[in-house]
PDB file of N, CA and C in Angstrom:
ATOM      1  N   UNK A   1     -13.645   4.013  22.775  1.00  0.00           N
ATOM      2  CA  UNK A   1     -12.305   3.386  22.597  1.00  0.00           C
ATOM      3  C   UNK A   1     -12.531   2.260  21.762  1.00  0.00           C
ATOM      4  N   UNK A   2     -13.686   1.470  22.033  1.00  0.00           N
ATOM      5  CA  UNK A   2     -13.832   0.145  21.185  1.00  0.00           C
ATOM      6  C   UNK A   2     -14.187   0.448  19.858  1.00  0.00           C
ATOM      7  N   UNK A   3     -15.170   1.487  19.679  1.00  0.00           N
ATOM      8  CA  UNK A   3     -15.342   1.722  18.179  1.00  0.00           C
ATOM      9  C   UNK A   3     -13.918   2.145  17.341  1.00  0.00           C
ATOM     10  N   UNK A   4     -13.124   3.031  18.048  1.00  0.00           N
ATOM     11  CA  UNK A   4     -12.016   3.401  17.270  1.00  0.00           C
ATOM     12  C   UNK A   4     -11.174   2.308  17.119  1.00  0.00           C
ATOM     13  N   UNK A   5     -11.253   1.181  17.997  1.00  0.00           N
ATOM     14  CA  UNK A   5     -10.467  -0.126  17.669  1.00  0.00           C
ATOM     15  C   UNK A   5     -10.852  -0.954  16.405  1.00  0.00           C
ATOM     16  N   UNK A   6     -12.346  -1.049  16.506  1.00  0.00           N
ATOM     17  CA  UNK A   6     -12.970  -1.804  15.468  1.00  0.00           C
ATOM     18  C   UNK A   6     -12.790  -0.927  13.931  1.00  0.00           C
ATOM     19  N   UNK A   7     -12.953   0.335  14.068  1.00  0.00           N
ATOM     20  CA  UNK A   7     -12.646   0.907  12.893  1.00  0.00           C
ATOM     21  C   UNK A   7     -11.310   0.843  12.249  1.00  0.00           C
ATOM     22  N   UNK A   8     -10.327   1.081  13.307  1.00  0.00           N
ATOM     23  CA  UNK A   8      -8.977   0.840  12.917  1.00  0.00           C
ATOM     24  C   UNK A   8      -8.786  -0.595  12.118  1.00  0.00           C
ATOM     25  N   UNK A   9      -9.400  -1.612  12.733  1.00  0.00           N
ATOM     26  CA  UNK A   9      -9.109  -2.852  12.352  1.00  0.00           C
ATOM     27  C   UNK A   9      -9.558  -3.368  10.986  1.00  0.00           C
ATOM     28  N   UNK A  10     -11.051  -2.674  10.912  1.00  0.00           N
ATOM     29  CA  UNK A  10     -11.581  -2.806   9.543  1.00  0.00           C
ATOM     30  C   UNK A  10     -10.878  -2.218   8.419  1.00  0.00           C
ATOM     31  N   UNK A  11     -10.619  -0.829   8.544  1.00  0.00           N
ATOM     32  CA  UNK A  11      -9.946   0.052   7.469  1.00  0.00           C
ATOM     33  C   UNK A  11      -8.504  -0.784   7.267  1.00  0.00           C
ATOM     34  N   UNK A  12      -7.615  -0.909   8.329  1.00  0.00           N
ATOM     35  CA  UNK A  12      -6.483  -1.532   8.176  1.00  0.00           C
ATOM     36  C   UNK A  12      -6.514  -2.866   7.322  1.00  0.00           C
ATOM     37  N   UNK A  13      -7.302  -3.768   7.640  1.00  0.00           N
ATOM     38  CA  UNK A  13      -7.479  -5.065   7.133  1.00  0.00           C
ATOM     39  C   UNK A  13      -7.861  -4.807   5.495  1.00  0.00           C
ATOM     40  N   UNK A  14      -8.751  -4.040   5.412  1.00  0.00           N
ATOM     41  CA  UNK A  14      -9.016  -3.532   3.940  1.00  0.00           C
ATOM     42  C   UNK A  14      -7.758  -3.236   3.108  1.00  0.00           C
ATOM     43  N   UNK A  15      -7.067  -2.143   3.793  1.00  0.00           N
ATOM     44  CA  UNK A  15      -5.892  -1.725   3.068  1.00  0.00           C
ATOM     45  C   UNK A  15      -4.897  -2.640   2.925  1.00  0.00           C
ATOM     46  N   UNK A  16      -4.542  -3.439   3.902  1.00  0.00           N
ATOM     47  CA  UNK A  16      -3.501  -4.472   3.798  1.00  0.00           C
ATOM     48  C   UNK A  16      -3.987  -5.586   2.728  1.00  0.00           C
ATOM     49  N   UNK A  17      -5.259  -5.843   2.855  1.00  0.00           N
ATOM     50  CA  UNK A  17      -5.760  -7.068   1.679  1.00  0.00           C
ATOM     51  C   UNK A  17      -5.591  -6.324   0.341  1.00  0.00           C
ATOM     52  N   UNK A  18      -5.874  -4.952   0.163  1.00  0.00           N
ATOM     53  CA  UNK A  18      -5.721  -4.369  -1.137  1.00  0.00           C
ATOM     54  C   UNK A  18      -4.246  -4.295  -1.579  1.00  0.00           C
ATOM     55  N   UNK A  19      -3.262  -4.043  -0.725  1.00  0.00           N
ATOM     56  CA  UNK A  19      -1.850  -3.942  -0.924  1.00  0.00           C
ATOM     57  C   UNK A  19      -1.468  -5.334  -1.433  1.00  0.00           C
ATOM     58  N   UNK A  20      -1.782  -6.276  -0.470  1.00  0.00           N
ATOM     59  CA  UNK A  20      -1.398  -7.807  -0.808  1.00  0.00           C
ATOM     60  C   UNK A  20      -1.874  -8.439  -2.239  1.00  0.00           C
ATOM     61  N   UNK A  21      -3.085  -8.112  -2.244  1.00  0.00           N
ATOM     62  CA  UNK A  21      -3.673  -8.487  -3.691  1.00  0.00           C
ATOM     63  C   UNK A  21      -2.862  -7.775  -4.971  1.00  0.00           C
ATOM     64  N   UNK A  22      -2.578  -6.567  -4.879  1.00  0.00           N
ATOM     65  CA  UNK A  22      -1.883  -6.044  -5.869  1.00  0.00           C
ATOM     66  C   UNK A  22      -0.506  -6.521  -5.952  1.00  0.00           C
ATOM     67  N   UNK A  23       0.069  -7.050  -4.817  1.00  0.00           N
ATOM     68  CA  UNK A  23       1.595  -7.417  -4.965  1.00  0.00           C
ATOM     69  C   UNK A  23       1.839  -8.843  -5.480  1.00  0.00           C
ATOM     70  N   UNK A  24       0.703  -9.805  -5.490  1.00  0.00           N
ATOM     71  CA  UNK A  24       0.427 -11.046  -5.787  1.00  0.00           C
ATOM     72  C   UNK A  24       1.040 -11.060  -7.328  1.00  0.00           C
ATOM     73  N   UNK A  25       0.435 -10.391  -8.437  1.00  0.00           N
ATOM     74  CA  UNK A  25       0.996 -10.472  -9.690  1.00  0.00           C
ATOM     75  C   UNK A  25       2.258 -10.001  -9.776  1.00  0.00           C
ATOM     76  N   UNK A  26       2.771  -9.214  -8.904  1.00  0.00           N
ATOM     77  CA  UNK A  26       4.160  -8.576  -9.106  1.00  0.00           C
ATOM     78  C   UNK A  26       5.174  -9.768  -8.752  1.00  0.00           C
ATOM     79  N   UNK A  27       4.858 -10.524  -7.435  1.00  0.00           N
ATOM     80  CA  UNK A  27       5.621 -11.460  -7.150  1.00  0.00           C
ATOM     81  C   UNK A  27       5.600 -12.676  -7.943  1.00  0.00           C
ATOM     82  N   UNK A  28       4.579 -12.943  -8.647  1.00  0.00           N
ATOM     83  CA  UNK A  28       4.495 -14.139  -9.491  1.00  0.00           C
ATOM     84  C   UNK A  28       4.946 -13.775 -10.805  1.00  0.00           C
ATOM     85  N   UNK A  29       5.395 -12.572 -11.142  1.00  0.00           N
ATOM     86  CA  UNK A  29       5.965 -11.996 -12.372  1.00  0.00           C
ATOM     87  C   UNK A  29       4.818 -12.189 -13.538  1.00  0.00           C
ATOM     88  N   UNK A  30       3.515 -12.050 -13.248  1.00  0.00           N
ATOM     89  CA  UNK A  30       2.418 -12.177 -14.193  1.00  0.00           C
ATOM     90  C   UNK A  30       2.667 -11.398 -15.443  1.00  0.00           C
ATOM     91  N   UNK A  31       2.693 -11.898 -16.639  1.00  0.00           N
ATOM     92  CA  UNK A  31       3.076 -11.040 -17.973  1.00  0.00           C
ATOM     93  C   UNK A  31       2.440  -9.752 -17.917  1.00  0.00           C
ATOM     94  N   UNK A  32       1.345  -9.427 -17.585  1.00  0.00           N
ATOM     95  CA  UNK A  32       0.372  -8.226 -17.622  1.00  0.00           C
ATOM     96  C   UNK A  32       1.189  -7.157 -16.477  1.00  0.00           C
ATOM     97  N   UNK A  33       1.611  -7.703 -15.212  1.00  0.00           N
ATOM     98  CA  UNK A  33       2.331  -6.842 -14.282  1.00  0.00           C
ATOM     99  C   UNK A  33       3.733  -6.476 -14.945  1.00  0.00           C
ATOM    100  N   UNK A  34       4.374  -7.388 -15.543  1.00  0.00           N
ATOM    101  CA  UNK A  34       5.778  -7.157 -16.034  1.00  0.00           C
ATOM    102  C   UNK A  34       5.685  -5.914 -17.161  1.00  0.00           C
ATOM    103  N   UNK A  35       4.600  -6.272 -17.999  1.00  0.00           N
ATOM    104  CA  UNK A  35       4.537  -5.347 -19.189  1.00  0.00           C
ATOM    105  C   UNK A  35       4.174  -4.069 -18.537  1.00  0.00           C
ATOM    106  N   UNK A  36       3.391  -3.981 -17.638  1.00  0.00           N
ATOM    107  CA  UNK A  36       3.009  -2.549 -16.902  1.00  0.00           C
ATOM    108  C   UNK A  36       4.063  -1.823 -16.455  1.00  0.00           C
ATOM    109  N   UNK A  37       4.913  -2.547 -15.591  1.00  0.00           N
ATOM    110  CA  UNK A  37       6.059  -1.995 -14.964  1.00  0.00           C
ATOM    111  C   UNK A  37       6.925  -1.477 -15.960  1.00  0.00           C
ATOM    112  N   UNK A  38       7.261  -2.493 -17.035  1.00  0.00           N
ATOM    113  CA  UNK A  38       8.277  -1.969 -18.161  1.00  0.00           C
ATOM    114  C   UNK A  38       7.651  -0.872 -18.788  1.00  0.00           C
ATOM    115  N   UNK A  39       6.490  -0.604 -19.097  1.00  0.00           N
ATOM    116  CA  UNK A  39       5.840   0.492 -19.550  1.00  0.00           C
ATOM    117  C   UNK A  39       6.267   1.742 -18.856  1.00  0.00           C
ATOM    118  N   UNK A  40       6.296   1.636 -17.437  1.00  0.00           N
ATOM    119  CA  UNK A  40       6.455   2.834 -16.643  1.00  0.00           C
ATOM    120  C   UNK A  40       8.033   3.050 -16.671  1.00  0.00           C
ATOM    121  N   UNK A  41       8.949   2.232 -17.210  1.00  0.00           N
ATOM    122  CA  UNK A  41      10.201   2.336 -17.126  1.00  0.00           C
ATOM    123  C   UNK A  41      10.930   1.571 -16.282  1.00  0.00           C
ATOM    124  N   UNK A  42      10.374   0.451 -15.520  1.00  0.00           N
ATOM    125  CA  UNK A  42      11.012  -0.063 -14.555  1.00  0.00           C
ATOM    126  C   UNK A  42      11.574  -1.411 -15.041  1.00  0.00           C
ATOM    127  N   UNK A  43      12.739  -1.819 -14.524  1.00  0.00           N
ATOM    128  CA  UNK A  43      13.482  -3.287 -14.975  1.00  0.00           C
ATOM    129  C   UNK A  43      12.630  -4.328 -14.324  1.00  0.00           C
ATOM    130  N   UNK A  44      12.823  -5.550 -15.088  1.00  0.00           N
ATOM    131  CA  UNK A  44      12.150  -6.769 -14.620  1.00  0.00           C
ATOM    132  C   UNK A  44      12.364  -7.032 -13.164  1.00  0.00           C
ATOM    133  N   UNK A  45      13.613  -6.897 -12.726  1.00  0.00           N
ATOM    134  CA  UNK A  45      14.012  -7.363 -11.216  1.00  0.00           C
ATOM    135  C   UNK A  45      13.395  -6.437 -10.361  1.00  0.00           C
ATOM    136  N   UNK A  46      12.613  -5.203 -10.634  1.00  0.00           N
ATOM    137  CA  UNK A  46      11.937  -4.427  -9.623  1.00  0.00           C
ATOM    138  C   UNK A  46      10.523  -4.897  -9.443  1.00  0.00           C
ATOM    139  N   UNK A  47       9.936  -5.678 -10.190  1.00  0.00           N
ATOM    140  CA  UNK A  47       8.634  -5.884 -10.173  1.00  0.00           C
ATOM    141  C   UNK A  47       8.487  -6.984  -8.947  1.00  0.00           C
ATOM    142  N   UNK A  48       9.081  -8.068  -8.817  1.00  0.00           N
ATOM    143  CA  UNK A  48       8.827  -8.964  -7.704  1.00  0.00           C
ATOM    144  C   UNK A  48       9.347  -8.452  -6.291  1.00  0.00           C
ATOM    145  N   UNK A  49      10.469  -7.408  -6.557  1.00  0.00           N
ATOM    146  CA  UNK A  49      11.072  -6.798  -5.345  1.00  0.00           C
ATOM    147  C   UNK A  49       9.721  -5.890  -4.779  1.00  0.00           C
ATOM    148  N   UNK A  50       9.122  -5.080  -5.491  1.00  0.00           N
ATOM    149  CA  UNK A  50       8.146  -4.331  -5.016  1.00  0.00           C
ATOM    150  C   UNK A  50       6.838  -5.006  -4.571  1.00  0.00           C
ATOM    151  N   UNK A  51       6.496  -6.319  -5.097  1.00  0.00           N
ATOM    152  CA  UNK A  51       5.654  -7.038  -4.630  1.00  0.00           C
ATOM    153  C   UNK A  51       5.930  -7.635  -3.333  1.00  0.00           C
ATOM    154  N   UNK A  52       7.204  -8.130  -2.975  1.00  0.00           N
ATOM    155  CA  UNK A  52       7.528  -8.627  -1.760  1.00  0.00           C
ATOM    156  C   UNK A  52       7.479  -7.543  -0.671  1.00  0.00           C
ATOM    157  N   UNK A  53       7.997  -6.310  -0.902  1.00  0.00           N
ATOM    158  CA  UNK A  53       7.869  -5.187  -0.063  1.00  0.00           C
ATOM    159  C   UNK A  53       6.574  -4.782   0.150  1.00  0.00           C
ATOM    160  N   UNK A  54       5.570  -4.846  -0.639  1.00  0.00           N
ATOM    161  CA  UNK A  54       4.172  -4.617  -0.456  1.00  0.00           C
ATOM    162  C   UNK A  54       3.454  -5.747   0.578  1.00  0.00           C
ATOM    163  N   UNK A  55       3.849  -6.995   0.419  1.00  0.00           N
ATOM    164  CA  UNK A  55       3.455  -7.869   1.326  1.00  0.00           C
ATOM    165  C   UNK A  55       3.896  -7.824   2.660  1.00  0.00           C
ATOM    166  N   UNK A  56       5.241  -7.504   2.650  1.00  0.00           N
ATOM    167  CA  UNK A  56       5.968  -7.294   3.973  1.00  0.00           C
ATOM    168  C   UNK A  56       5.321  -6.153   4.826  1.00  0.00           C
ATOM    169  N   UNK A  57       5.074  -5.059   4.072  1.00  0.00           N
ATOM    170  CA  UNK A  57       4.464  -3.792   4.776  1.00  0.00           C
ATOM    171  C   UNK A  57       2.977  -4.234   5.087  1.00  0.00           C
ATOM    172  N   UNK A  58       2.139  -4.790   4.363  1.00  0.00           N
ATOM    173  CA  UNK A  58       0.858  -5.299   4.596  1.00  0.00           C
ATOM    174  C   UNK A  58       0.904  -6.172   6.030  1.00  0.00           C
ATOM    175  N   UNK A  59       1.882  -7.198   6.003  1.00  0.00           N
ATOM    176  CA  UNK A  59       1.881  -8.028   7.161  1.00  0.00           C
ATOM    177  C   UNK A  59       2.187  -7.126   8.467  1.00  0.00           C
ATOM    178  N   UNK A  60       3.291  -6.213   8.227  1.00  0.00           N
ATOM    179  CA  UNK A  60       3.783  -5.265   9.427  1.00  0.00           C
ATOM    180  C   UNK A  60       2.639  -4.502  10.056  1.00  0.00           C
ATOM    181  N   UNK A  61       1.674  -4.031   9.159  1.00  0.00           N
ATOM    182  CA  UNK A  61       0.707  -3.096   9.772  1.00  0.00           C
ATOM    183  C   UNK A  61      -0.508  -3.737  10.373  1.00  0.00           C
ATOM    184  N   UNK A  62      -0.519  -5.262  10.104  1.00  0.00           N
ATOM    185  CA  UNK A  62      -1.377  -6.055  10.725  1.00  0.00           C
ATOM    186  C   UNK A  62      -0.896  -6.672  12.054  1.00  0.00           C
ATOM    187  N   UNK A  63       0.397  -7.056  12.258  1.00  0.00           N
ATOM    188  CA  UNK A  63       0.956  -7.494  13.568  1.00  0.00           C
ATOM    189  C   UNK A  63       0.822  -6.526  14.638  1.00  0.00           C
ATOM    190  N   UNK A  64       0.244  -6.975  15.792  1.00  0.00           N
ATOM    191  CA  UNK A  64       0.034  -6.128  16.829  1.00  0.00           C
ATOM    192  C   UNK A  64       1.536  -5.659  17.412  1.00  0.00           C
ATOM    193  N   UNK A  65       1.675  -4.681  18.196  1.00  0.00           N
ATOM    194  CA  UNK A  65       2.903  -4.332  18.695  1.00  0.00           C
ATOM    195  C   UNK A  65       3.847  -3.752  17.613  1.00  0.00           C
ATOM    196  N   UNK A  66       5.148  -3.804  18.031  1.00  0.00           N
ATOM    197  CA  UNK A  66       6.282  -3.401  17.062  1.00  0.00           C
ATOM    198  C   UNK A  66       5.875  -1.904  16.471  1.00  0.00           C
ATOM    199  N   UNK A  67       5.917  -0.986  17.263  1.00  0.00           N
ATOM    200  CA  UNK A  67       5.314   0.555  16.678  1.00  0.00           C
ATOM    201  C   UNK A  67       6.438   0.999  15.954  1.00  0.00           C
ATOM    202  N   UNK A  68       7.609   0.853  15.972  1.00  0.00           N
ATOM    203  CA  UNK A  68       8.487   1.441  14.970  1.00  0.00           C
ATOM    204  C   UNK A  68       8.397   0.730  13.538  1.00  0.00           C
ATOM    205  N   UNK A  69       8.317  -0.567  13.656  1.00  0.00           N
ATOM    206  CA  UNK A  69       8.180  -1.359  12.400  1.00  0.00           C
ATOM    207  C   UNK A  69       7.021  -0.985  11.675  1.00  0.00           C
ATOM    208  N   UNK A  70       5.789  -0.615  12.454  1.00  0.00           N
ATOM    209  CA  UNK A  70       4.760  -0.243  11.897  1.00  0.00           C
ATOM    210  C   UNK A  70       4.834   1.127  11.148  1.00  0.00           C
ATOM    211  N   UNK A  71       5.563   1.958  11.876  1.00  0.00           N
ATOM    212  CA  UNK A  71       5.847   3.319  11.387  1.00  0.00           C
ATOM    213  C   UNK A  71       6.455   3.124   9.930  1.00  0.00           C
ATOM    214  N   UNK A  72       7.603   2.312   9.852  1.00  0.00           N
ATOM    215  CA  UNK A  72       8.302   2.189   8.612  1.00  0.00           C
ATOM    216  C   UNK A  72       7.420   1.534   7.816  1.00  0.00           C
ATOM    217  N   UNK A  73       6.523   0.734   7.940  1.00  0.00           N
ATOM    218  CA  UNK A  73       5.561  -0.075   7.045  1.00  0.00           C
ATOM    219  C   UNK A  73       4.762   0.929   6.538  1.00  0.00           C
ATOM    220  N   UNK A  74       4.175   1.822   7.196  1.00  0.00           N
ATOM    221  CA  UNK A  74       3.129   2.834   6.821  1.00  0.00           C
ATOM    222  C   UNK A  74       3.820   3.719   5.815  1.00  0.00           C
ATOM    223  N   UNK A  75       5.203   4.142   6.182  1.00  0.00           N
ATOM    224  CA  UNK A  75       5.903   5.137   5.214  1.00  0.00           C
ATOM    225  C   UNK A  75       6.219   4.444   4.029  1.00  0.00           C
ATOM    226  N   UNK A  76       6.653   3.052   4.092  1.00  0.00           N
ATOM    227  CA  UNK A  76       7.196   2.333   2.861  1.00  0.00           C
ATOM    228  C   UNK A  76       5.948   2.327   1.930  1.00  0.00           C
ATOM    229  N   UNK A  77       4.848   1.901   2.240  1.00  0.00           N
ATOM    230  CA  UNK A  77       3.560   1.726   1.648  1.00  0.00           C
ATOM    231  C   UNK A  77       3.106   2.999   0.936  1.00  0.00           C
ATOM    232  N   UNK A  78       3.112   4.223   1.838  1.00  0.00           N
ATOM    233  CA  UNK A  78       2.911   5.486   1.423  1.00  0.00           C
ATOM    234  C   UNK A  78       3.780   5.752  -0.028  1.00  0.00           C
ATOM    235  N   UNK A  79       5.262   5.429   0.242  1.00  0.00           N
ATOM    236  CA  UNK A  79       6.007   5.930  -0.774  1.00  0.00           C
ATOM    237  C   UNK A  79       5.688   5.017  -2.045  1.00  0.00           C
ATOM    238  N   UNK A  80       5.221   3.742  -1.829  1.00  0.00           N
ATOM    239  CA  UNK A  80       4.746   2.924  -2.956  1.00  0.00           C
ATOM    240  C   UNK A  80       3.617   3.485  -3.688  1.00  0.00           C
ATOM    241  N   UNK A  81       2.834   3.918  -2.989  1.00  0.00           N
ATOM    242  CA  UNK A  81       1.427   4.581  -3.640  1.00  0.00           C
ATOM    243  C   UNK A  81       1.709   5.913  -4.491  1.00  0.00           C
ATOM    244  N   UNK A  82       2.587   6.772  -3.671  1.00  0.00           N
ATOM    245  CA  UNK A  82       2.811   7.961  -4.166  1.00  0.00           C
ATOM    246  C   UNK A  82       3.707   7.756  -5.492  1.00  0.00           C
ATOM    247  N   UNK A  83       4.658   6.706  -5.278  1.00  0.00           N
ATOM    248  CA  UNK A  83       5.488   6.321  -6.550  1.00  0.00           C
ATOM    249  C   UNK A  83       4.710   5.837  -7.728  1.00  0.00           C
ATOM    250  N   UNK A  84       3.651   5.181  -7.382  1.00  0.00           N
ATOM    251  CA  UNK A  84       3.002   4.615  -8.545  1.00  0.00           C
ATOM    252  C   UNK A  84       2.205   5.496  -9.089  1.00  0.00           C
ATOM    253  N   UNK A  85       1.587   6.667  -8.211  1.00  0.00           N
ATOM    254  CA  UNK A  85       0.762   7.527  -8.995  1.00  0.00           C
ATOM    255  C   UNK A  85       1.660   8.414  -9.639  1.00  0.00           C
ATOM    256  N   UNK A  86       2.870   8.769  -9.177  1.00  0.00           N
ATOM    257  CA  UNK A  86       3.714   9.854 -10.067  1.00  0.00           C
ATOM    258  C   UNK A  86       4.257   9.028 -11.265  1.00  0.00           C
ATOM    259  N   UNK A  87       4.493   7.861 -11.227  1.00  0.00           N
ATOM    260  CA  UNK A  87       5.093   6.937 -12.381  1.00  0.00           C
ATOM    261  C   UNK A  87       4.074   6.976 -13.514  1.00  0.00           C
ATOM    262  N   UNK A  88       2.752   6.891 -13.105  1.00  0.00           N
ATOM    263  CA  UNK A  88       1.715   6.796 -14.210  1.00  0.00           C
ATOM    264  C   UNK A  88       1.492   7.949 -14.730  1.00  0.00           C
ATOM    265  N   UNK A  89       1.378   8.990 -13.971  1.00  0.00           N
ATOM    266  CA  UNK A  89       1.150  10.566 -14.582  1.00  0.00           C
ATOM    267  C   UNK A  89       2.417  10.758 -15.268  1.00  0.00           C
ATOM    268  N   UNK A  90       3.631  10.575 -14.781  1.00  0.00           N
ATOM    269  CA  UNK A  90       4.883  10.838 -15.723  1.00  0.00           C
ATOM    270  C   UNK A  90       4.922  10.213 -17.019  1.00  0.00           C
ATOM    271  N   UNK A  91       4.367   9.179 -17.136  1.00  0.00           N
ATOM    272  CA  UNK A  91       4.486   8.337 -18.310  1.00  0.00           C
ATOM    273  C   UNK A  91       3.387   8.500 -19.193  1.00  0.00           C
ATOM    274  N   UNK A  92       2.100   8.738 -18.731  1.00  0.00           N
ATOM    275  CA  UNK A  92       0.958   8.798 -19.650  1.00  0.00           C
ATOM    276  C   UNK A  92       0.235  10.085 -19.460  1.00  0.00           C
ATOM    277  N   UNK A  93       0.637  10.812 -18.464  1.00  0.00           N
ATOM    278  CA  UNK A  93      -0.169  12.127 -18.290  1.00  0.00           C
ATOM    279  C   UNK A  93      -1.113  11.852 -17.418  1.00  0.00           C
ATOM    280  N   UNK A  94      -1.991  12.689 -17.023  1.00  0.00           N
ATOM    281  CA  UNK A  94      -3.049  12.528 -16.194  1.00  0.00           C
ATOM    282  C   UNK A  94      -4.325  11.949 -16.841  1.00  0.00           C
ATOM    283  N   UNK A  95      -4.761  10.833 -16.412  1.00  0.00           N
ATOM    284  CA  UNK A  95      -5.813  10.103 -17.125  1.00  0.00           C
ATOM    285  C   UNK A  95      -6.917   9.966 -16.074  1.00  0.00           C
ATOM    286  N   UNK A  96      -8.308  10.134 -16.568  1.00  0.00           N
ATOM    287  CA  UNK A  96      -9.410  10.138 -15.451  1.00  0.00           C
ATOM    288  C   UNK A  96      -9.471   8.990 -14.527  1.00  0.00           C
ATOM    289  N   UNK A  97      -9.020   7.940 -15.034  1.00  0.00           N
ATOM    290  CA  UNK A  97      -9.005   6.549 -14.039  1.00  0.00           C
ATOM    291  C   UNK A  97      -7.821   6.573 -13.187  1.00  0.00           C
ATOM    292  N   UNK A  98      -7.046   7.425 -13.234  1.00  0.00           N
ATOM    293  CA  UNK A  98      -6.121   7.537 -12.078  1.00  0.00           C
ATOM    294  C   UNK A  98      -6.652   7.978 -10.548  1.00  0.00           C
ATOM    295  N   UNK A  99      -7.880   8.695 -10.787  1.00  0.00           N
ATOM    296  CA  UNK A  99      -8.454   8.910  -9.692  1.00  0.00           C
ATOM    297  C   UNK A  99      -8.964   7.959  -8.840  1.00  0.00           C
ATOM    298  N   UNK A 100      -8.836   6.498  -9.393  1.00  0.00           N
ATOM    299  CA  UNK A 100      -9.017   5.401  -8.403  1.00  0.00           C
ATOM    300  C   UNK A 100      -8.000   5.468  -7.315  1.00  0.00           C
ATOM    301  N   UNK A 101      -6.876   6.083  -7.488  1.00  0.00           N
ATOM    302  CA  UNK A 101      -5.901   6.003  -6.502  1.00  0.00           C
ATOM    303  C   UNK A 101      -6.069   6.595  -5.007  1.00  0.00           C
ATOM    304  N   UNK A 102      -7.308   7.421  -5.207  1.00  0.00           N
ATOM    305  CA  UNK A 102      -7.752   8.143  -4.167  1.00  0.00           C
ATOM    306  C   UNK A 102      -8.170   6.767  -2.980  1.00  0.00           C
ATOM    307  N   UNK A 103      -8.740   5.930  -3.605  1.00  0.00           N
ATOM    308  CA  UNK A 103      -9.197   4.838  -2.505  1.00  0.00           C
ATOM    309  C   UNK A 103      -7.961   4.294  -1.668  1.00  0.00           C
ATOM    310  N   UNK A 104      -6.968   3.693  -2.316  1.00  0.00           N
ATOM    311  CA  UNK A 104      -6.001   3.108  -1.452  1.00  0.00           C
ATOM    312  C   UNK A 104      -5.323   4.172  -0.700  1.00  0.00           C
ATOM    313  N   UNK A 105      -5.142   5.345  -1.182  1.00  0.00           N
ATOM    314  CA  UNK A 105      -4.596   6.408  -0.451  1.00  0.00           C
ATOM    315  C   UNK A 105      -5.191   6.899   0.597  1.00  0.00           C
ATOM    316  N   UNK A 106      -6.593   7.064   0.678  1.00  0.00           N
ATOM    317  CA  UNK A 106      -7.516   7.194   1.618  1.00  0.00           C
ATOM    318  C   UNK A 106      -7.445   6.162   2.788  1.00  0.00           C
ATOM    319  N   UNK A 107      -7.530   4.975   2.288  1.00  0.00           N
ATOM    320  CA  UNK A 107      -7.330   3.820   3.308  1.00  0.00           C
ATOM    321  C   UNK A 107      -6.047   3.779   4.045  1.00  0.00           C
ATOM    322  N   UNK A 108      -5.251   4.121   3.364  1.00  0.00           N
ATOM    323  CA  UNK A 108      -3.670   4.348   4.134  1.00  0.00           C
ATOM    324  C   UNK A 108      -3.744   5.417   5.164  1.00  0.00           C
ATOM    325  N   UNK A 109      -4.190   6.723   4.705  1.00  0.00           N
ATOM    326  CA  UNK A 109      -4.388   7.872   5.689  1.00  0.00           C
ATOM    327  C   UNK A 109      -5.322   7.421   6.858  1.00  0.00           C
ATOM    328  N   UNK A 110      -6.355   6.861   6.670  1.00  0.00           N
ATOM    329  CA  UNK A 110      -7.349   6.591   7.716  1.00  0.00           C
ATOM    330  C   UNK A 110      -6.806   5.773   8.510  1.00  0.00           C
ATOM    331  N   UNK A 111      -5.985   4.365   8.013  1.00  0.00           N
ATOM    332  CA  UNK A 111      -5.488   3.368   8.873  1.00  0.00           C
ATOM    333  C   UNK A 111      -4.434   3.957   9.731  1.00  0.00           C
ATOM    334  N   UNK A 112      -3.699   4.821   9.163  1.00  0.00           N
ATOM    335  CA  UNK A 112      -2.400   5.394  10.084  1.00  0.00           C
ATOM    336  C   UNK A 112      -3.192   6.426  11.058  1.00  0.00           C
ATOM    337  N   UNK A 113      -4.155   7.132  10.719  1.00  0.00           N
ATOM    338  CA  UNK A 113      -4.847   8.148  11.673  1.00  0.00           C
ATOM    339  C   UNK A 113      -5.458   7.239  12.832  1.00  0.00           C
ATOM    340  N   UNK A 114      -6.250   6.211  12.463  1.00  0.00           N
ATOM    341  CA  UNK A 114      -6.929   5.262  13.680  1.00  0.00           C
ATOM    342  C   UNK A 114      -5.855   4.618  14.463  1.00  0.00           C
ATOM    343  N   UNK A 115      -4.677   4.217  13.660  1.00  0.00           N
ATOM    344  CA  UNK A 115      -3.402   3.446  14.396  1.00  0.00           C
ATOM    345  C   UNK A 115      -3.194   4.507  15.628  1.00  0.00           C
ATOM    346  N   UNK A 116      -2.853   5.767  15.281  1.00  0.00           N
ATOM    347  CA  UNK A 116      -2.520   6.800  16.331  1.00  0.00           C
ATOM    348  C   UNK A 116      -3.553   6.921  17.401  1.00  0.00           C
ATOM    349  N   UNK A 117      -4.900   7.065  16.847  1.00  0.00           N
ATOM    350  CA  UNK A 117      -5.945   7.260  17.795  1.00  0.00           C
ATOM    351  C   UNK A 117      -6.192   6.052  18.978  1.00  0.00           C
ATOM    352  N   UNK A 118      -5.881   4.832  18.410  1.00  0.00           N
ATOM    353  CA  UNK A 118      -5.895   3.546  19.132  1.00  0.00           C
ATOM    354  C   UNK A 118      -4.826   3.499  20.304  1.00  0.00           C
ATOM    355  N   UNK A 119      -3.566   3.984  19.773  1.00  0.00           N
ATOM    356  CA  UNK A 119      -2.532   3.975  20.630  1.00  0.00           C
ATOM    357  C   UNK A 119      -2.865   5.230  21.654  1.00  0.00           C
ATOM    358  N   UNK A 120      -3.314   5.979  21.357  1.00  0.00           N
ATOM    359  CA  UNK A 120      -3.576   7.089  22.378  1.00  0.00           C
ATOM    360  C   UNK A 120      -4.610   6.805  23.357  1.00  0.00           C
ATOM    361  N   UNK A 121      -5.679   5.829  23.063  1.00  0.00           N
ATOM    362  CA  UNK A 121      -6.604   5.626  23.786  1.00  0.00           C
ATOM    363  C   UNK A 121      -6.213   4.289  24.764  1.00  0.00           C
ATOM    364  N   UNK A 122      -5.171   3.523  24.461  1.00  0.00           N
ATOM    365  CA  UNK A 122      -4.691   2.464  25.231  1.00  0.00           C
ATOM    366  C   UNK A 122      -4.052   2.865  26.734  1.00  0.00           C
TER     367      UNK A 122
END
């Protein structure tokens, strides 16, 4: 039980930090982030919106309790990652560097899995 709890928190913290750090340029409307989002076809107002949503989701999966909000946060973060992957492939085609997306998607899936293992063991 303790091992599951530790693994859950390590993976979840890594995933939440990844998502939060990728959200900072979006929230601050850093020129590179805006240029990238425009390249994908998104309007300027979408960039800070998605950044704030990623930070909110990252906070939600870290706060103990609130299982329904956690489920929604996991779903939202999954939609964000899947949407990002789809947008890049639809715009630029499959590029080898897109394989990097396996890392955050794996962290998301592992965090979600261990969240439910943790709940089951409580």
